[in-house]
Amino acid sequence: MTKRAELYSDNITLKNLGVVLKEQRMEKGFSLDDMVQMTGFPKSTILNIEKGSATNISYYIAYGQAVDFSILVSDIKIKLKSRYELSPDRKSRKFLTLKIRSLYKEDFFSEKKAVHQVIEKLISLHKFENSKELSSSVSGILRNFVEDDLLELVEKKGRNNIYIKKANSQNA
């Protein structure tokens, strides 16, 4: 038996909306975990929204609010504000994510890179202070880029992960 929501859903529109929302999230430097914090939704719901398989329009609206992206339905205006604010730690990590995303767009990851190489580049470009916190944050962001299909983990050397731009990556 087919669920009623499946009968009335517009799969192509939802899929396209999910793609646009994911692009907005990534463009603004938010990770999936940031979206969980800002919407209050579980990660599985966030992933379903990005795939266009969530059937509740309220989910798409809340996601759009969190990434400050207007989803206009007719002449109805939707207030663009996420349900919850990011913690100060996540806000600073978002800033770092945007800096790493700019490296990604400049094809810095076209060759294999270890976390320490990313940190060295960030320090040279943006005068970051090297610390364990920076290393931990950069590692987490690179794992998020793997989760977002931007980078690929190609090698592990002890505790050092080596990343490269995913060959079929179309997201930037």
Protein backbone atom coordinates (compact mmCIF):
# COMPACT_ATOMS: atom_id res chain seq x y z
CA MET A 1 0.00 0.00 0.00
CA THR A 2 1.27 3.47 -0.92
CA LYS A 3 1.51 6.18 1.70
CA ARG A 4 -0.81 9.11 1.11
CA ALA A 5 2.15 11.54 1.25
CA GLU A 6 3.82 9.65 -1.60
CA LEU A 7 0.69 9.94 -3.75
CA TYR A 8 0.62 13.71 -3.46
CA SER A 9 4.30 14.53 -3.51
CA ASP A 10 6.00 16.20 -6.44
CA ASN A 11 9.23 14.20 -6.45
CA ILE A 12 11.02 16.27 -9.09
CA THR A 13 10.29 19.58 -7.38
CA LEU A 14 11.26 18.24 -3.95
CA LYS A 15 14.45 16.72 -5.32
CA ASN A 16 15.36 20.04 -6.99
CA LEU A 17 14.50 21.96 -3.84
CA GLY A 18 16.66 19.58 -1.80
CA VAL A 19 19.60 20.13 -4.15
CA VAL A 20 19.21 23.92 -3.95
CA LEU A 21 18.97 23.84 -0.15
CA LYS A 22 22.07 21.64 0.13
CA GLU A 23 23.96 24.04 -2.17
CA GLN A 24 22.89 26.97 0.03
CA ARG A 25 24.03 25.11 3.16
CA MET A 26 27.39 24.29 1.69
CA GLU A 27 27.87 27.76 0.19
CA LYS A 28 27.30 29.29 3.62
CA GLY A 29 29.70 26.86 5.28
CA PHE A 30 27.20 24.95 7.41
CA SER A 31 27.85 21.28 8.13
CA LEU A 32 25.13 18.67 8.52
CA ASP A 33 25.68 18.84 12.28
CA ASP A 34 25.19 22.63 12.16
CA MET A 35 21.83 22.04 10.46
CA VAL A 36 20.87 19.55 13.16
CA GLN A 37 21.61 22.18 15.79
CA MET A 38 19.82 25.02 13.96
CA THR A 39 16.68 23.11 12.98
CA GLY A 40 16.33 20.64 15.83
CA PHE A 41 15.87 17.85 13.25
CA PRO A 42 17.77 14.58 13.35
CA LYS A 43 20.57 14.16 10.79
CA SER A 44 18.49 11.60 8.89
CA THR A 45 15.76 14.22 8.32
CA ILE A 46 18.36 16.74 7.10
CA LEU A 47 19.70 14.16 4.64
CA ASN A 48 16.14 13.33 3.48
CA ILE A 49 15.48 17.03 2.85
CA GLU A 50 18.66 17.33 0.79
CA LYS A 51 17.68 14.24 -1.22
CA GLY A 52 14.16 15.59 -1.72
CA SER A 53 12.62 12.57 -0.05
CA ALA A 54 11.13 14.37 2.97
CA THR A 55 7.40 14.77 2.42
CA ASN A 56 6.61 17.43 5.02
CA ILE A 57 6.94 20.93 3.53
CA SER A 58 7.53 22.31 7.02
CA TYR A 59 10.90 20.56 7.01
CA TYR A 60 11.94 22.35 3.82
CA ILE A 61 10.75 25.69 5.21
CA ALA A 62 12.68 25.26 8.47
CA TYR A 63 15.78 24.22 6.52
CA GLY A 64 15.39 27.27 4.26
CA GLN A 65 15.05 29.52 7.28
CA ALA A 66 18.21 28.10 8.80
CA VAL A 67 20.29 28.81 5.67
CA ASP A 68 18.58 32.18 5.08
CA PHE A 69 17.07 30.99 1.78
CA SER A 70 13.59 32.11 0.83
CA ILE A 71 11.19 29.39 -0.25
CA LEU A 72 8.35 31.36 -1.74
CA VAL A 73 4.99 29.67 -1.99
CA SER A 74 2.70 31.96 -3.96
CA ASP A 75 2.74 35.37 -2.26
CA ILE A 76 3.38 33.99 1.22
CA LYS A 77 6.54 35.42 2.74
CA ILE A 78 8.40 33.19 5.15
CA LYS A 79 10.49 34.71 7.93
CA LEU A 80 14.14 33.80 7.37
CA LYS A 81 15.47 32.85 10.78
CA SER A 82 16.50 29.46 12.05
CA ARG A 83 14.70 28.01 15.06
CA TYR A 84 17.92 27.94 17.09
CA GLU A 85 21.15 29.92 16.99
CA LEU A 86 24.49 28.25 16.41
CA SER A 87 26.70 27.98 19.47
CA PRO A 88 29.74 30.31 19.50
CA ASP A 89 31.97 27.28 18.84
CA ARG A 90 29.96 26.34 15.74
CA LYS A 91 29.95 29.96 14.53
CA SER A 92 33.75 30.08 14.62
CA ARG A 93 33.92 26.67 12.95
CA LYS A 94 31.61 27.97 10.19
CA PHE A 95 34.08 30.81 9.58
CA LEU A 96 36.88 28.23 9.28
CA THR A 97 34.72 26.09 6.98
CA LEU A 98 34.30 29.02 4.59
CA LYS A 99 38.08 29.54 4.50
CA ILE A 100 38.62 25.84 3.70
CA ARG A 101 35.84 25.99 1.10
CA SER A 102 37.72 28.80 -0.66
CA LEU A 103 40.79 26.52 -0.78
CA TYR A 104 38.56 23.83 -2.24
CA LYS A 105 37.27 26.19 -4.93
CA GLU A 106 40.85 27.20 -5.78
CA ASP A 107 41.65 23.51 -6.41
CA PHE A 108 44.00 23.27 -3.41
CA PHE A 109 42.71 19.71 -2.97
CA SER A 110 43.40 18.66 -6.57
CA GLU A 111 46.47 16.96 -5.11
CA LYS A 112 46.57 14.86 -1.95
CA LYS A 113 46.59 16.95 1.22
CA ALA A 114 47.05 16.06 4.86
CA VAL A 115 45.44 18.05 7.67
CA HIS A 116 48.77 19.68 8.57
CA GLN A 117 49.12 20.95 4.98
CA VAL A 118 45.67 22.54 5.14
CA ILE A 119 46.58 24.15 8.45
CA GLU A 120 49.88 25.48 7.04
CA LYS A 121 48.00 27.02 4.12
CA LEU A 122 45.40 28.60 6.42
CA ILE A 123 48.11 30.02 8.64
CA SER A 124 49.97 31.51 5.66
CA LEU A 125 46.82 33.04 4.14
CA HIS A 126 44.76 34.05 7.14
CA LYS A 127 47.21 34.31 10.07
CA PHE A 128 45.48 31.60 12.09
CA GLU A 129 47.26 30.52 15.25
CA ASN A 130 48.33 26.87 15.19
CA SER A 131 46.74 24.89 18.03
CA LYS A 132 45.23 21.53 18.87
CA GLU A 133 41.79 23.14 18.55
CA LEU A 134 42.58 24.31 15.02
CA SER A 135 43.83 20.86 14.07
CA SER A 136 40.74 19.22 15.52
CA SER A 137 38.42 21.69 13.78
CA VAL A 138 40.15 21.31 10.41
CA SER A 139 39.99 17.52 10.72
CA GLY A 140 36.26 17.68 11.46
CA ILE A 141 35.59 20.04 8.57
CA LEU A 142 37.49 17.80 6.15
CA ARG A 143 35.43 14.82 7.35
CA ASN A 144 32.31 16.92 6.69
CA PHE A 145 33.58 17.61 3.17
CA VAL A 146 33.90 13.85 2.69
CA GLU A 147 30.33 13.46 3.96
CA ASP A 148 29.22 16.15 1.48
CA ASP A 149 30.94 14.29 -1.40
CA LEU A 150 33.45 17.07 -1.99
CA LEU A 151 36.57 15.27 -0.81
CA GLU A 152 37.65 11.69 -0.68
CA LEU A 153 39.70 10.09 2.09
CA VAL A 154 42.36 8.36 0.00
CA GLU A 155 44.85 7.24 2.59
CA LYS A 156 45.45 6.89 6.30
CA LYS A 157 48.99 7.19 7.60
CA GLY A 158 48.75 6.43 11.29
CA ARG A 159 46.49 9.14 12.66
CA ASN A 160 46.99 11.31 9.57
CA ASN A 161 44.25 11.29 6.97
CA ILE A 162 45.04 12.22 3.39
CA TYR A 163 42.31 13.91 1.32
CA ILE A 164 41.82 14.74 -2.34
CA LYS A 165 39.07 16.44 -4.32
CA LYS A 166 36.52 13.88 -5.40
CA ALA A 167 36.79 13.26 -9.14
CA ASN A 168 33.07 13.46 -9.84
CA SER A 169 32.41 16.31 -7.40
CA GLN A 170 30.03 18.86 -8.85
CA ASN A 171 29.38 20.74 -5.62
CA ALA A 172 31.36 23.80 -4.74
